[in-house]
Amino acid sequence: MLGRLVLVPDLSGALWLPEERTLVVADLHLEKGSAFAARGVMLPPYDSAATLAALGHAIGRRQPARVIALGDSFHDRKAETRLAPETRAMLRHLQRGRDWLWITGNHDPAIGAAMGGDSAAAIALSGVTLRHEPTPCSGHEIAGHLHPAAKVRLRGRAVRRRCFALSARRCVMPAMGAYAGGLNLREAAFRPLFREGFSAHLIGDGRLFRIDPRLLLPD
C-alpha cells in the first residue's frame, strides 16, 4: 500500500494499480538507440520495438483500462520523428481501447499529439502524486527518473538487476527502456528520498525478490 493505493510490482518493471485498473511504466526512452547513432555511437536499432514489446506483454497480462507513462518515454525532443512506421503501429495498437497518459519528463518536456493519448506534468490518484522526478516531499508519490538498480550477492555471486525502491511514502520505479540502464540504490541521489528507510524489490528470473537494504552492494 502507498497511501490509499494498492501497488503490485510487475516482473516487466511496470507497476499495477488493481483498484484503479491502471498500469504505470517509467522511462521507456524510446529511440535512445537512434539518438546514439546520430552521435556516431552505433547500437542495434531495435530498442524501441523491444521496449514496446515488453510493455505489450505487461498490458496483455493485466488488461488495464489506463496506462500512465511516467516521463522520459522518448529519449529526446526529436525521438517522435525517428520512430519507424512499424513502431508507431505498435504504439497505436497498445493504446487502442484504453486511456493513455504521458507524464512529461526532462527528456520529453512536450509530447506531440501524433503520439496519441493525453499529457500532463503530473497526476494524483487516491492521494498519491504520479510524476517523473521524485522529490523529498511530505506526501505520497510514485516516480521514475533515477532508474533504480540493486546489486546483491546470491548463491555466491554478485547479481545486479533493475528494482523497485519502496517506502511508506514513495515508490521509485525501474526504467523499462531496453537501453535505459540503472543507478545503484547505494548512490547518493536516493538518500534524501528514503531517510525513513526502504525496501528494494529486485526483478529476478520469474519472480521479485524483496531485499533488505543492508544487503545491497556498491558497484
N, C-alpha and C. Protein backbone atom coordinates (compact mmCIF):
# COMPACT_ATOMS: atom_id res chain seq x y z
N MET A 1 0.84 -1.20 0.00
CA MET A 1 0.00 0.00 0.00
C MET A 1 0.87 1.25 0.00
N LEU A 2 0.44 2.24 -0.73
CA LEU A 2 1.06 3.56 -0.70
C LEU A 2 -0.09 4.55 -0.58
N GLY A 3 -0.23 5.17 0.61
CA GLY A 3 -1.42 5.97 0.84
C GLY A 3 -2.64 5.05 0.77
N ARG A 4 -3.57 5.38 -0.13
CA ARG A 4 -4.75 4.53 -0.32
C ARG A 4 -4.65 3.65 -1.56
N LEU A 5 -3.49 3.63 -2.20
CA LEU A 5 -3.30 2.84 -3.41
C LEU A 5 -2.68 1.48 -3.10
N VAL A 6 -3.25 0.46 -3.70
CA VAL A 6 -2.63 -0.87 -3.68
C VAL A 6 -1.65 -0.96 -4.84
N LEU A 7 -0.40 -1.32 -4.55
CA LEU A 7 0.65 -1.41 -5.57
C LEU A 7 1.04 -2.87 -5.78
N VAL A 8 1.13 -3.27 -7.03
CA VAL A 8 1.59 -4.62 -7.38
C VAL A 8 2.73 -4.48 -8.37
N PRO A 9 3.99 -4.57 -7.92
CA PRO A 9 5.12 -4.53 -8.85
C PRO A 9 5.06 -5.71 -9.81
N ASP A 10 5.34 -5.44 -11.07
CA ASP A 10 5.27 -6.45 -12.12
C ASP A 10 6.68 -6.82 -12.57
N LEU A 11 6.87 -8.07 -12.98
CA LEU A 11 8.18 -8.53 -13.43
C LEU A 11 8.72 -7.74 -14.62
N SER A 12 7.83 -7.11 -15.37
CA SER A 12 8.26 -6.32 -16.51
C SER A 12 8.93 -5.02 -16.10
N GLY A 13 8.76 -4.62 -14.84
CA GLY A 13 9.20 -3.31 -14.39
C GLY A 13 8.06 -2.30 -14.33
N ALA A 14 6.87 -2.73 -14.75
CA ALA A 14 5.68 -1.90 -14.62
C ALA A 14 5.11 -2.03 -13.21
N LEU A 15 4.19 -1.14 -12.89
CA LEU A 15 3.51 -1.16 -11.60
C LEU A 15 2.02 -1.24 -11.87
N TRP A 16 1.37 -2.25 -11.28
CA TRP A 16 -0.06 -2.45 -11.49
C TRP A 16 -0.82 -1.90 -10.29
N LEU A 17 -1.81 -1.06 -10.58
CA LEU A 17 -2.69 -0.49 -9.57
C LEU A 17 -4.06 -1.12 -9.78
N PRO A 18 -4.36 -2.25 -9.14
CA PRO A 18 -5.56 -3.02 -9.49
C PRO A 18 -6.86 -2.27 -9.24
N GLU A 19 -6.95 -1.51 -8.16
CA GLU A 19 -8.20 -0.82 -7.86
C GLU A 19 -8.47 0.32 -8.84
N GLU A 20 -7.42 0.81 -9.49
CA GLU A 20 -7.56 1.86 -10.49
C GLU A 20 -7.57 1.29 -11.91
N ARG A 21 -7.33 -0.02 -12.03
CA ARG A 21 -7.16 -0.69 -13.33
C ARG A 21 -6.16 0.08 -14.20
N THR A 22 -5.06 0.45 -13.56
CA THR A 22 -4.05 1.30 -14.20
C THR A 22 -2.69 0.63 -14.16
N LEU A 23 -2.01 0.63 -15.30
CA LEU A 23 -0.64 0.14 -15.40
C LEU A 23 0.28 1.35 -15.53
N VAL A 24 1.28 1.43 -14.66
CA VAL A 24 2.22 2.55 -14.66
C VAL A 24 3.57 2.05 -15.13
N VAL A 25 4.19 2.78 -16.04
CA VAL A 25 5.53 2.44 -16.52
C VAL A 25 6.40 3.70 -16.46
N ALA A 26 7.70 3.50 -16.41
CA ALA A 26 8.60 4.64 -16.28
C ALA A 26 9.77 4.51 -17.26
N ASP A 27 10.18 5.64 -17.80
CA ASP A 27 11.45 5.76 -18.52
C ASP A 27 11.59 4.73 -19.64
N LEU A 28 10.69 4.83 -20.61
CA LEU A 28 10.78 3.97 -21.79
C LEU A 28 11.97 4.33 -22.67
N HIS A 29 12.31 5.61 -22.71
CA HIS A 29 13.45 6.11 -23.50
C HIS A 29 13.42 5.59 -24.94
N LEU A 30 12.25 5.69 -25.57
CA LEU A 30 12.12 5.27 -26.96
C LEU A 30 13.07 6.06 -27.85
N GLU A 31 13.69 5.37 -28.78
CA GLU A 31 14.64 5.91 -29.75
C GLU A 31 15.94 6.38 -29.12
N LYS A 32 16.34 5.79 -28.02
CA LYS A 32 17.67 6.07 -27.49
C LYS A 32 18.74 5.56 -28.45
N GLY A 33 18.50 4.40 -29.04
CA GLY A 33 19.47 3.85 -29.98
C GLY A 33 19.73 4.77 -31.15
N SER A 34 18.69 5.35 -31.74
CA SER A 34 18.88 6.24 -32.89
C SER A 34 19.53 7.55 -32.46
N ALA A 35 19.28 7.98 -31.21
CA ALA A 35 19.94 9.19 -30.71
C ALA A 35 21.44 8.97 -30.59
N PHE A 36 21.84 7.81 -30.11
CA PHE A 36 23.27 7.50 -30.02
C PHE A 36 23.88 7.36 -31.40
N ALA A 37 23.15 6.74 -32.33
CA ALA A 37 23.67 6.56 -33.69
C ALA A 37 23.95 7.91 -34.36
N ALA A 38 23.10 8.91 -34.07
CA ALA A 38 23.30 10.24 -34.65
C ALA A 38 24.59 10.88 -34.16
N ARG A 39 25.09 10.40 -32.99
CA ARG A 39 26.35 10.92 -32.45
C ARG A 39 27.53 9.99 -32.76
N GLY A 40 27.29 9.01 -33.62
CA GLY A 40 28.37 8.13 -34.03
C GLY A 40 28.57 6.92 -33.15
N VAL A 41 27.69 6.71 -32.16
CA VAL A 41 27.77 5.52 -31.30
C VAL A 41 26.74 4.54 -31.81
N MET A 42 27.20 3.51 -32.49
CA MET A 42 26.29 2.61 -33.18
C MET A 42 25.80 1.51 -32.24
N LEU A 43 24.50 1.52 -32.00
CA LEU A 43 23.84 0.49 -31.21
C LEU A 43 22.81 -0.19 -32.11
N PRO A 44 22.47 -1.45 -31.84
CA PRO A 44 21.41 -2.10 -32.62
C PRO A 44 20.13 -1.27 -32.55
N PRO A 45 19.51 -0.97 -33.69
CA PRO A 45 18.39 -0.02 -33.72
C PRO A 45 17.04 -0.66 -33.40
N TYR A 46 17.01 -1.52 -32.39
CA TYR A 46 15.78 -2.26 -32.11
C TYR A 46 15.24 -1.97 -30.71
N ASP A 47 15.77 -0.96 -30.03
CA ASP A 47 15.39 -0.76 -28.64
C ASP A 47 13.92 -0.35 -28.49
N SER A 48 13.42 0.50 -29.39
CA SER A 48 12.03 0.95 -29.26
C SER A 48 11.07 -0.22 -29.42
N ALA A 49 11.31 -1.07 -30.41
CA ALA A 49 10.45 -2.24 -30.64
C ALA A 49 10.53 -3.19 -29.45
N ALA A 50 11.73 -3.41 -28.91
CA ALA A 50 11.89 -4.31 -27.77
C ALA A 50 11.18 -3.76 -26.54
N THR A 51 11.29 -2.44 -26.32
CA THR A 51 10.64 -1.81 -25.17
C THR A 51 9.12 -1.91 -25.27
N LEU A 52 8.58 -1.61 -26.44
CA LEU A 52 7.13 -1.68 -26.61
C LEU A 52 6.63 -3.12 -26.56
N ALA A 53 7.46 -4.08 -26.98
CA ALA A 53 7.07 -5.48 -26.86
C ALA A 53 6.95 -5.87 -25.39
N ALA A 54 7.92 -5.43 -24.56
CA ALA A 54 7.85 -5.72 -23.13
C ALA A 54 6.62 -5.07 -22.50
N LEU A 55 6.34 -3.83 -22.90
CA LEU A 55 5.15 -3.16 -22.40
C LEU A 55 3.89 -3.89 -22.86
N GLY A 56 3.91 -4.37 -24.10
CA GLY A 56 2.76 -5.10 -24.62
C GLY A 56 2.47 -6.37 -23.84
N HIS A 57 3.53 -7.08 -23.42
CA HIS A 57 3.33 -8.29 -22.62
C HIS A 57 2.68 -7.94 -21.27
N ALA A 58 3.14 -6.84 -20.66
CA ALA A 58 2.55 -6.42 -19.38
C ALA A 58 1.09 -6.02 -19.56
N ILE A 59 0.78 -5.31 -20.63
CA ILE A 59 -0.61 -4.93 -20.92
C ILE A 59 -1.46 -6.17 -21.16
N GLY A 60 -0.90 -7.14 -21.88
CA GLY A 60 -1.64 -8.37 -22.14
C GLY A 60 -1.98 -9.12 -20.87
N ARG A 61 -1.06 -9.12 -19.90
CA ARG A 61 -1.31 -9.83 -18.65
C ARG A 61 -2.33 -9.11 -17.77
N ARG A 62 -2.23 -7.79 -17.72
CA ARG A 62 -3.05 -7.03 -16.77
C ARG A 62 -4.34 -6.47 -17.36
N GLN A 63 -4.39 -6.28 -18.68
CA GLN A 63 -5.57 -5.71 -19.34
C GLN A 63 -6.03 -4.42 -18.66
N PRO A 64 -5.15 -3.41 -18.60
CA PRO A 64 -5.52 -2.16 -17.91
C PRO A 64 -6.53 -1.34 -18.70
N ALA A 65 -7.31 -0.58 -17.96
CA ALA A 65 -8.18 0.41 -18.59
C ALA A 65 -7.41 1.69 -18.91
N ARG A 66 -6.26 1.85 -18.23
CA ARG A 66 -5.46 3.07 -18.41
C ARG A 66 -3.98 2.72 -18.25
N VAL A 67 -3.16 3.37 -19.06
CA VAL A 67 -1.70 3.28 -18.94
C VAL A 67 -1.17 4.68 -18.67
N ILE A 68 -0.29 4.79 -17.68
CA ILE A 68 0.38 6.06 -17.38
C ILE A 68 1.87 5.85 -17.53
N ALA A 69 2.49 6.63 -18.39
CA ALA A 69 3.93 6.56 -18.62
C ALA A 69 4.58 7.75 -17.91
N LEU A 70 5.47 7.46 -16.95
CA LEU A 70 5.98 8.48 -16.03
C LEU A 70 7.19 9.27 -16.55
N GLY A 71 7.11 9.75 -17.76
CA GLY A 71 8.14 10.65 -18.24
C GLY A 71 9.36 9.96 -18.83
N ASP A 72 10.12 10.72 -19.63
CA ASP A 72 11.24 10.18 -20.41
C ASP A 72 10.79 8.96 -21.19
N SER A 73 9.57 9.03 -21.70
CA SER A 73 9.09 7.97 -22.58
C SER A 73 9.83 8.04 -23.92
N PHE A 74 10.24 9.24 -24.31
CA PHE A 74 11.01 9.46 -25.53
C PHE A 74 12.38 10.01 -25.11
N HIS A 75 13.42 9.53 -25.76
CA HIS A 75 14.77 9.85 -25.29
C HIS A 75 15.16 11.30 -25.50
N ASP A 76 14.57 11.96 -26.49
CA ASP A 76 14.87 13.37 -26.73
C ASP A 76 13.70 14.00 -27.47
N ARG A 77 13.78 15.28 -27.70
CA ARG A 77 12.64 16.02 -28.26
C ARG A 77 12.34 15.64 -29.69
N LYS A 78 13.28 15.04 -30.42
CA LYS A 78 13.06 14.66 -31.81
C LYS A 78 12.81 13.17 -31.96
N ALA A 79 12.75 12.45 -30.85
CA ALA A 79 12.60 11.00 -30.93
C ALA A 79 11.31 10.60 -31.65
N GLU A 80 10.25 11.37 -31.44
CA GLU A 80 8.97 11.03 -32.07
C GLU A 80 9.11 10.95 -33.58
N THR A 81 9.93 11.84 -34.16
CA THR A 81 10.07 11.88 -35.63
C THR A 81 10.91 10.72 -36.14
N ARG A 82 11.66 10.05 -35.26
CA ARG A 82 12.52 8.94 -35.70
C ARG A 82 11.87 7.57 -35.53
N LEU A 83 10.68 7.52 -34.95
CA LEU A 83 10.00 6.24 -34.78
C LEU A 83 9.67 5.64 -36.15
N ALA A 84 10.05 4.41 -36.35
CA ALA A 84 9.74 3.72 -37.59
C ALA A 84 8.24 3.51 -37.70
N PRO A 85 7.70 3.44 -38.92
CA PRO A 85 6.25 3.24 -39.07
C PRO A 85 5.72 2.03 -38.32
N GLU A 86 6.49 0.92 -38.33
CA GLU A 86 6.01 -0.27 -37.64
C GLU A 86 6.02 -0.08 -36.12
N THR A 87 6.94 0.77 -35.61
CA THR A 87 6.97 1.05 -34.18
C THR A 87 5.79 1.94 -33.79
N ARG A 88 5.48 2.90 -34.63
CA ARG A 88 4.29 3.73 -34.40
C ARG A 88 3.03 2.87 -34.38
N ALA A 89 2.98 1.89 -35.28
CA ALA A 89 1.83 1.00 -35.34
C ALA A 89 1.73 0.17 -34.06
N MET A 90 2.87 -0.27 -33.51
CA MET A 90 2.87 -1.00 -32.24
C MET A 90 2.29 -0.13 -31.13
N LEU A 91 2.71 1.12 -31.09
CA LEU A 91 2.23 2.03 -30.06
C LEU A 91 0.73 2.25 -30.19
N ARG A 92 0.27 2.48 -31.40
CA ARG A 92 -1.17 2.69 -31.60
C ARG A 92 -1.97 1.46 -31.17
N HIS A 93 -1.42 0.29 -31.44
CA HIS A 93 -2.11 -0.95 -31.05
C HIS A 93 -2.22 -1.05 -29.53
N LEU A 94 -1.14 -0.70 -28.82
CA LEU A 94 -1.17 -0.76 -27.36
C LEU A 94 -2.15 0.25 -26.77
N GLN A 95 -2.33 1.37 -27.43
CA GLN A 95 -3.22 2.42 -26.93
C GLN A 95 -4.69 2.13 -27.20
N ARG A 96 -4.97 1.27 -28.15
CA ARG A 96 -6.34 1.07 -28.60
C ARG A 96 -7.22 0.53 -27.47
N GLY A 97 -8.36 1.20 -27.24
CA GLY A 97 -9.35 0.72 -26.29
C GLY A 97 -9.05 1.05 -24.83
N ARG A 98 -8.05 1.91 -24.58
CA ARG A 98 -7.75 2.28 -23.18
C ARG A 98 -7.29 3.73 -23.12
N ASP A 99 -7.41 4.34 -21.96
CA ASP A 99 -6.88 5.68 -21.75
C ASP A 99 -5.36 5.60 -21.67
N TRP A 100 -4.70 6.64 -22.12
CA TRP A 100 -3.23 6.67 -22.14
C TRP A 100 -2.78 8.06 -21.73
N LEU A 101 -1.93 8.14 -20.73
CA LEU A 101 -1.44 9.43 -20.25
C LEU A 101 0.08 9.43 -20.26
N TRP A 102 0.63 10.39 -20.98
CA TRP A 102 2.07 10.64 -20.95
C TRP A 102 2.36 11.69 -19.88
N ILE A 103 3.12 11.34 -18.86
CA ILE A 103 3.66 12.35 -17.94
C ILE A 103 4.95 12.87 -18.56
N THR A 104 5.10 14.17 -18.63
CA THR A 104 6.29 14.73 -19.26
C THR A 104 7.51 14.58 -18.34
N GLY A 105 8.68 14.47 -18.96
CA GLY A 105 9.92 14.30 -18.22
C GLY A 105 10.98 15.29 -18.66
N ASN A 106 12.18 15.14 -18.14
CA ASN A 106 13.25 16.06 -18.53
C ASN A 106 13.74 15.79 -19.95
N HIS A 107 13.61 14.55 -20.44
CA HIS A 107 13.99 14.26 -21.82
C HIS A 107 12.88 14.60 -22.80
N ASP A 108 11.63 14.56 -22.34
CA ASP A 108 10.49 14.81 -23.24
C ASP A 108 9.51 15.80 -22.59
N PRO A 109 9.90 17.07 -22.49
CA PRO A 109 9.04 18.05 -21.81
C PRO A 109 7.73 18.35 -22.53
N ALA A 110 7.61 17.89 -23.77
CA ALA A 110 6.36 18.05 -24.51
C ALA A 110 6.16 16.79 -25.35
N ILE A 111 4.91 16.34 -25.44
CA ILE A 111 4.58 15.14 -26.21
C ILE A 111 3.65 15.56 -27.34
N GLY A 112 4.02 15.21 -28.56
CA GLY A 112 3.21 15.59 -29.70
C GLY A 112 1.88 14.86 -29.76
N ALA A 113 0.87 15.53 -30.31
CA ALA A 113 -0.46 14.92 -30.42
C ALA A 113 -0.44 13.66 -31.26
N ALA A 114 0.51 13.55 -32.18
CA ALA A 114 0.60 12.37 -33.04
C ALA A 114 0.93 11.11 -32.26
N MET A 115 1.41 11.25 -31.03
CA MET A 115 1.75 10.08 -30.22
C MET A 115 0.54 9.51 -29.50
N GLY A 116 -0.62 10.15 -29.66
CA GLY A 116 -1.84 9.63 -29.06
C GLY A 116 -1.92 9.92 -27.57
N GLY A 117 -3.08 9.69 -27.00
CA GLY A 117 -3.27 9.90 -25.57
C GLY A 117 -3.23 11.36 -25.17
N ASP A 118 -3.13 11.58 -23.87
CA ASP A 118 -3.04 12.92 -23.30
C ASP A 118 -1.70 13.07 -22.60
N SER A 119 -1.35 14.29 -22.22
CA SER A 119 -0.11 14.51 -21.49
C SER A 119 -0.34 15.50 -20.36
N ALA A 120 0.49 15.37 -19.32
CA ALA A 120 0.39 16.25 -18.15
C ALA A 120 1.72 16.21 -17.42
N ALA A 121 1.95 17.20 -16.58
CA ALA A 121 3.17 17.23 -15.78
C ALA A 121 3.10 16.24 -14.62
N ALA A 122 1.90 15.96 -14.13
CA ALA A 122 1.71 15.04 -13.01
C ALA A 122 0.22 14.71 -12.93
N ILE A 123 -0.10 13.68 -12.15
CA ILE A 123 -1.50 13.32 -11.90
C ILE A 123 -1.59 12.78 -10.49
N ALA A 124 -2.72 13.00 -9.83
CA ALA A 124 -2.95 12.49 -8.48
C ALA A 124 -4.02 11.39 -8.54
N LEU A 125 -3.72 10.26 -7.90
CA LEU A 125 -4.66 9.15 -7.79
C LEU A 125 -4.76 8.75 -6.33
N SER A 126 -5.96 8.83 -5.76
CA SER A 126 -6.20 8.41 -4.37
C SER A 126 -5.17 8.99 -3.41
N GLY A 127 -4.86 10.26 -3.58
CA GLY A 127 -3.95 10.94 -2.68
C GLY A 127 -2.48 10.72 -2.95
N VAL A 128 -2.15 10.02 -4.04
CA VAL A 128 -0.76 9.77 -4.41
C VAL A 128 -0.45 10.52 -5.70
N THR A 129 0.65 11.27 -5.73
CA THR A 129 1.05 12.01 -6.92
C THR A 129 1.97 11.16 -7.78
N LEU A 130 1.64 11.05 -9.05
CA LEU A 130 2.48 10.36 -10.01
C LEU A 130 3.19 11.42 -10.84
N ARG A 131 4.52 11.41 -10.80
CA ARG A 131 5.32 12.41 -11.51
C ARG A 131 6.58 11.75 -12.05
N HIS A 132 7.35 12.51 -12.81
CA HIS A 132 8.58 11.93 -13.36
C HIS A 132 9.70 11.90 -12.33
N GLU A 133 10.07 13.06 -11.80
CA GLU A 133 11.21 13.13 -10.89
C GLU A 133 10.73 13.02 -9.44
N PRO A 134 11.29 12.10 -8.67
CA PRO A 134 10.93 12.02 -7.25
C PRO A 134 11.42 13.25 -6.50
N THR A 135 10.66 13.63 -5.47
CA THR A 135 11.01 14.80 -4.67
C THR A 135 10.96 14.42 -3.20
N PRO A 136 11.77 15.04 -2.34
CA PRO A 136 11.71 14.76 -0.90
C PRO A 136 10.50 15.45 -0.26
N CYS A 137 9.32 15.22 -0.83
CA CYS A 137 8.11 15.90 -0.36
C CYS A 137 7.52 15.13 0.82
N SER A 138 6.54 15.76 1.48
CA SER A 138 5.92 15.14 2.65
C SER A 138 4.75 14.24 2.28
N GLY A 139 4.30 14.31 1.01
CA GLY A 139 3.17 13.49 0.59
C GLY A 139 3.61 12.14 0.05
N HIS A 140 2.67 11.47 -0.60
CA HIS A 140 2.95 10.17 -1.21
C HIS A 140 3.16 10.36 -2.71
N GLU A 141 4.11 9.61 -3.28
CA GLU A 141 4.37 9.77 -4.70
C GLU A 141 4.89 8.47 -5.31
N ILE A 142 4.64 8.37 -6.63
CA ILE A 142 5.24 7.34 -7.48
C ILE A 142 5.99 8.08 -8.57
N ALA A 143 7.25 7.72 -8.77
CA ALA A 143 8.08 8.45 -9.73
C ALA A 143 9.06 7.49 -10.41
N GLY A 144 9.73 8.02 -11.40
CA GLY A 144 10.76 7.28 -12.11
C GLY A 144 12.08 8.05 -12.06
N HIS A 145 12.63 8.33 -13.24
CA HIS A 145 13.77 9.23 -13.43
C HIS A 145 15.13 8.66 -13.00
N LEU A 146 15.21 8.01 -11.85
CA LEU A 146 16.51 7.59 -11.32
C LEU A 146 16.92 6.19 -11.76
N HIS A 147 16.03 5.44 -12.38
CA HIS A 147 16.36 4.10 -12.89
C HIS A 147 16.99 3.21 -11.81
N PRO A 148 16.33 2.99 -10.68
CA PRO A 148 16.98 2.24 -9.60
C PRO A 148 17.36 0.81 -10.00
N ALA A 149 18.54 0.41 -9.51
CA ALA A 149 19.04 -0.95 -9.71
C ALA A 149 19.67 -1.39 -8.40
N ALA A 150 19.66 -2.68 -8.15
CA ALA A 150 20.22 -3.23 -6.91
C ALA A 150 21.27 -4.28 -7.26
N LYS A 151 22.35 -4.26 -6.49
CA LYS A 151 23.39 -5.28 -6.63
C LYS A 151 23.46 -6.05 -5.32
N VAL A 152 23.33 -7.36 -5.41
CA VAL A 152 23.34 -8.22 -4.22
C VAL A 152 24.16 -9.47 -4.52
N ARG A 153 24.48 -10.20 -3.46
CA ARG A 153 25.16 -11.47 -3.62
C ARG A 153 24.15 -12.60 -3.43
N LEU A 154 23.97 -13.40 -4.47
CA LEU A 154 23.05 -14.53 -4.43
C LEU A 154 23.78 -15.79 -4.87
N ARG A 155 23.69 -16.81 -4.03
CA ARG A 155 24.32 -18.10 -4.34
C ARG A 155 25.80 -17.95 -4.68
N GLY A 156 26.46 -17.06 -3.93
CA GLY A 156 27.90 -16.91 -4.06
C GLY A 156 28.38 -16.02 -5.18
N ARG A 157 27.46 -15.35 -5.89
CA ARG A 157 27.91 -14.44 -6.96
C ARG A 157 27.12 -13.14 -6.89
N ALA A 158 27.75 -12.08 -7.36
CA ALA A 158 27.11 -10.77 -7.37
C ALA A 158 26.16 -10.68 -8.55
N VAL A 159 24.95 -10.19 -8.27
CA VAL A 159 23.91 -10.05 -9.29
C VAL A 159 23.42 -8.61 -9.25
N ARG A 160 23.30 -7.99 -10.41
CA ARG A 160 22.79 -6.61 -10.50
C ARG A 160 21.56 -6.60 -11.38
N ARG A 161 20.45 -6.12 -10.84
CA ARG A 161 19.18 -6.10 -11.59
C ARG A 161 18.42 -4.81 -11.32
N ARG A 162 17.52 -4.50 -12.23
CA ARG A 162 16.59 -3.39 -12.00
C ARG A 162 15.73 -3.70 -10.78
N CYS A 163 15.24 -2.66 -10.13
CA CYS A 163 14.42 -2.90 -8.94
C CYS A 163 13.46 -1.74 -8.70
N PHE A 164 12.45 -2.02 -7.89
CA PHE A 164 11.57 -1.00 -7.33
C PHE A 164 12.13 -0.62 -5.96
N ALA A 165 12.14 0.66 -5.64
CA ALA A 165 12.51 1.14 -4.31
C ALA A 165 11.24 1.64 -3.63
N LEU A 166 10.87 1.02 -2.52
CA LEU A 166 9.59 1.29 -1.88
C LEU A 166 9.76 1.69 -0.42
N SER A 167 9.01 2.70 -0.01
CA SER A 167 8.93 3.09 1.40
C SER A 167 7.47 3.36 1.71
N ALA A 168 7.20 3.83 2.93
CA ALA A 168 5.82 4.15 3.31
C ALA A 168 5.28 5.33 2.53
N ARG A 169 6.15 6.14 1.96
CA ARG A 169 5.71 7.36 1.27
C ARG A 169 5.99 7.37 -0.23
N ARG A 170 6.82 6.47 -0.71
CA ARG A 170 7.34 6.68 -2.05
C ARG A 170 7.63 5.35 -2.75
N CYS A 171 7.38 5.34 -4.05
CA CYS A 171 7.84 4.25 -4.93
C CYS A 171 8.62 4.89 -6.07
N VAL A 172 9.88 4.50 -6.19
CA VAL A 172 10.68 4.91 -7.36
C VAL A 172 10.81 3.68 -8.25
N MET A 173 10.35 3.82 -9.48
CA MET A 173 10.22 2.69 -10.38
C MET A 173 11.46 2.48 -11.24
N PRO A 174 11.71 1.24 -11.63
CA PRO A 174 12.81 0.98 -12.56
C PRO A 174 12.46 1.47 -13.96
N ALA A 175 13.48 1.70 -14.75
CA ALA A 175 13.27 2.06 -16.15
C ALA A 175 12.89 0.83 -16.95
N MET A 176 11.92 0.98 -17.84
CA MET A 176 11.53 -0.13 -18.70
C MET A 176 12.30 -0.13 -20.02
N GLY A 177 12.87 1.00 -20.40
CA GLY A 177 13.56 1.10 -21.68
C GLY A 177 14.68 0.08 -21.84
N ALA A 178 14.76 -0.52 -23.01
CA ALA A 178 15.74 -1.57 -23.26
C ALA A 178 17.17 -1.07 -23.09
N TYR A 179 17.42 0.21 -23.39
CA TYR A 179 18.76 0.77 -23.27
C TYR A 179 18.87 1.76 -22.11
N ALA A 180 17.94 1.73 -21.18
CA ALA A 180 17.88 2.80 -20.17
C ALA A 180 18.96 2.70 -19.09
N GLY A 181 19.44 1.51 -18.76
CA GLY A 181 20.45 1.40 -17.71
C GLY A 181 19.84 1.58 -16.33
N GLY A 182 20.71 1.63 -15.30
CA GLY A 182 20.21 1.75 -13.94
C GLY A 182 21.23 2.38 -13.01
N LEU A 183 20.73 3.04 -11.97
CA LEU A 183 21.57 3.68 -10.97
C LEU A 183 21.49 2.87 -9.68
N ASN A 184 22.64 2.52 -9.15
CA ASN A 184 22.70 1.71 -7.94
C ASN A 184 22.00 2.41 -6.78
N LEU A 185 21.18 1.66 -6.05
CA LEU A 185 20.44 2.23 -4.92
C LEU A 185 21.34 2.75 -3.81
N ARG A 186 22.61 2.36 -3.83
CA ARG A 186 23.54 2.87 -2.83
C ARG A 186 24.03 4.28 -3.14
N GLU A 187 23.70 4.79 -4.33
CA GLU A 187 24.18 6.12 -4.74
C GLU A 187 23.48 7.22 -3.95
N ALA A 188 24.16 8.37 -3.85
CA ALA A 188 23.71 9.48 -3.00
C ALA A 188 22.36 10.04 -3.44
N ALA A 189 22.00 9.93 -4.72
CA ALA A 189 20.75 10.51 -5.21
C ALA A 189 19.52 9.95 -4.49
N PHE A 190 19.62 8.73 -3.95
CA PHE A 190 18.47 8.11 -3.30
C PHE A 190 18.35 8.48 -1.82
N ARG A 191 19.42 8.97 -1.22
CA ARG A 191 19.41 9.17 0.25
C ARG A 191 18.36 10.14 0.74
N PRO A 192 18.20 11.32 0.12
CA PRO A 192 17.17 12.24 0.65
C PRO A 192 15.74 11.75 0.43
N LEU A 193 15.56 10.76 -0.45
CA LEU A 193 14.22 10.26 -0.75
C LEU A 193 13.78 9.19 0.24
N PHE A 194 14.73 8.54 0.90
CA PHE A 194 14.41 7.38 1.72
C PHE A 194 15.05 7.48 3.10
N ARG A 195 14.94 8.64 3.71
CA ARG A 195 15.53 8.81 5.05
C ARG A 195 14.83 7.92 6.08
N GLU A 196 13.56 7.58 5.82
CA GLU A 196 12.81 6.76 6.77
C GLU A 196 13.01 5.27 6.52
N GLY A 197 13.87 4.92 5.56
CA GLY A 197 14.10 3.52 5.22
C GLY A 197 13.30 3.10 4.00
N PHE A 198 13.68 1.97 3.44
CA PHE A 198 13.00 1.49 2.24
C PHE A 198 13.32 0.01 2.07
N SER A 199 12.64 -0.61 1.11
CA SER A 199 12.97 -1.97 0.70
C SER A 199 13.18 -1.97 -0.81
N ALA A 200 14.07 -2.84 -1.26
CA ALA A 200 14.35 -2.99 -2.68
C ALA A 200 13.67 -4.26 -3.18
N HIS A 201 12.92 -4.15 -4.26
CA HIS A 201 12.23 -5.30 -4.84
C HIS A 201 12.89 -5.58 -6.19
N LEU A 202 13.82 -6.50 -6.16
CA LEU A 202 14.68 -6.79 -7.30
C LEU A 202 13.96 -7.69 -8.29
N ILE A 203 14.06 -7.35 -9.58
CA ILE A 203 13.41 -8.12 -10.63
C ILE A 203 14.32 -9.29 -11.01
N GLY A 204 13.92 -10.47 -10.61
CA GLY A 204 14.71 -11.67 -10.89
C GLY A 204 14.15 -12.45 -12.05
N ASP A 205 14.62 -13.67 -12.20
CA ASP A 205 14.14 -14.54 -13.27
C ASP A 205 12.88 -15.26 -12.79
N GLY A 206 11.75 -14.73 -13.18
CA GLY A 206 10.49 -15.38 -12.85
C GLY A 206 9.85 -14.94 -11.55
N ARG A 207 10.52 -14.09 -10.77
CA ARG A 207 9.93 -13.62 -9.53
C ARG A 207 10.64 -12.35 -9.06
N LEU A 208 10.00 -11.66 -8.13
CA LEU A 208 10.58 -10.48 -7.49
C LEU A 208 11.16 -10.89 -6.14
N PHE A 209 12.32 -10.32 -5.79
CA PHE A 209 12.98 -10.61 -4.53
C PHE A 209 12.98 -9.35 -3.68
N ARG A 210 12.40 -9.42 -2.49
CA ARG A 210 12.47 -8.29 -1.57
C ARG A 210 13.79 -8.38 -0.83
N ILE A 211 14.61 -7.31 -0.93
CA ILE A 211 15.97 -7.31 -0.41
C ILE A 211 16.10 -6.27 0.71
N ASP A 212 16.64 -6.68 1.82
CA ASP A 212 16.96 -5.76 2.90
C ASP A 212 18.05 -4.80 2.41
N PRO A 213 17.87 -3.48 2.57
CA PRO A 213 18.89 -2.52 2.08
C PRO A 213 20.28 -2.77 2.64
N ARG A 214 20.39 -3.39 3.81
CA ARG A 214 21.69 -3.66 4.40
C ARG A 214 22.49 -4.68 3.60
N LEU A 215 21.81 -5.40 2.71
CA LEU A 215 22.47 -6.42 1.89
C LEU A 215 22.89 -5.90 0.53
N LEU A 216 22.56 -4.64 0.24
CA LEU A 216 22.89 -4.08 -1.08
C LEU A 216 24.38 -3.82 -1.19
N LEU A 217 24.94 -4.10 -2.37
CA LEU A 217 26.36 -3.90 -2.63
C LEU A 217 26.57 -2.67 -3.50
N PRO A 218 27.69 -1.97 -3.34
CA PRO A 218 28.02 -0.90 -4.28
C PRO A 218 28.50 -1.50 -5.60
N ASP A 219 28.48 -0.70 -6.64
CA ASP A 219 29.00 -1.17 -7.94
C ASP A 219 30.52 -1.27 -7.91
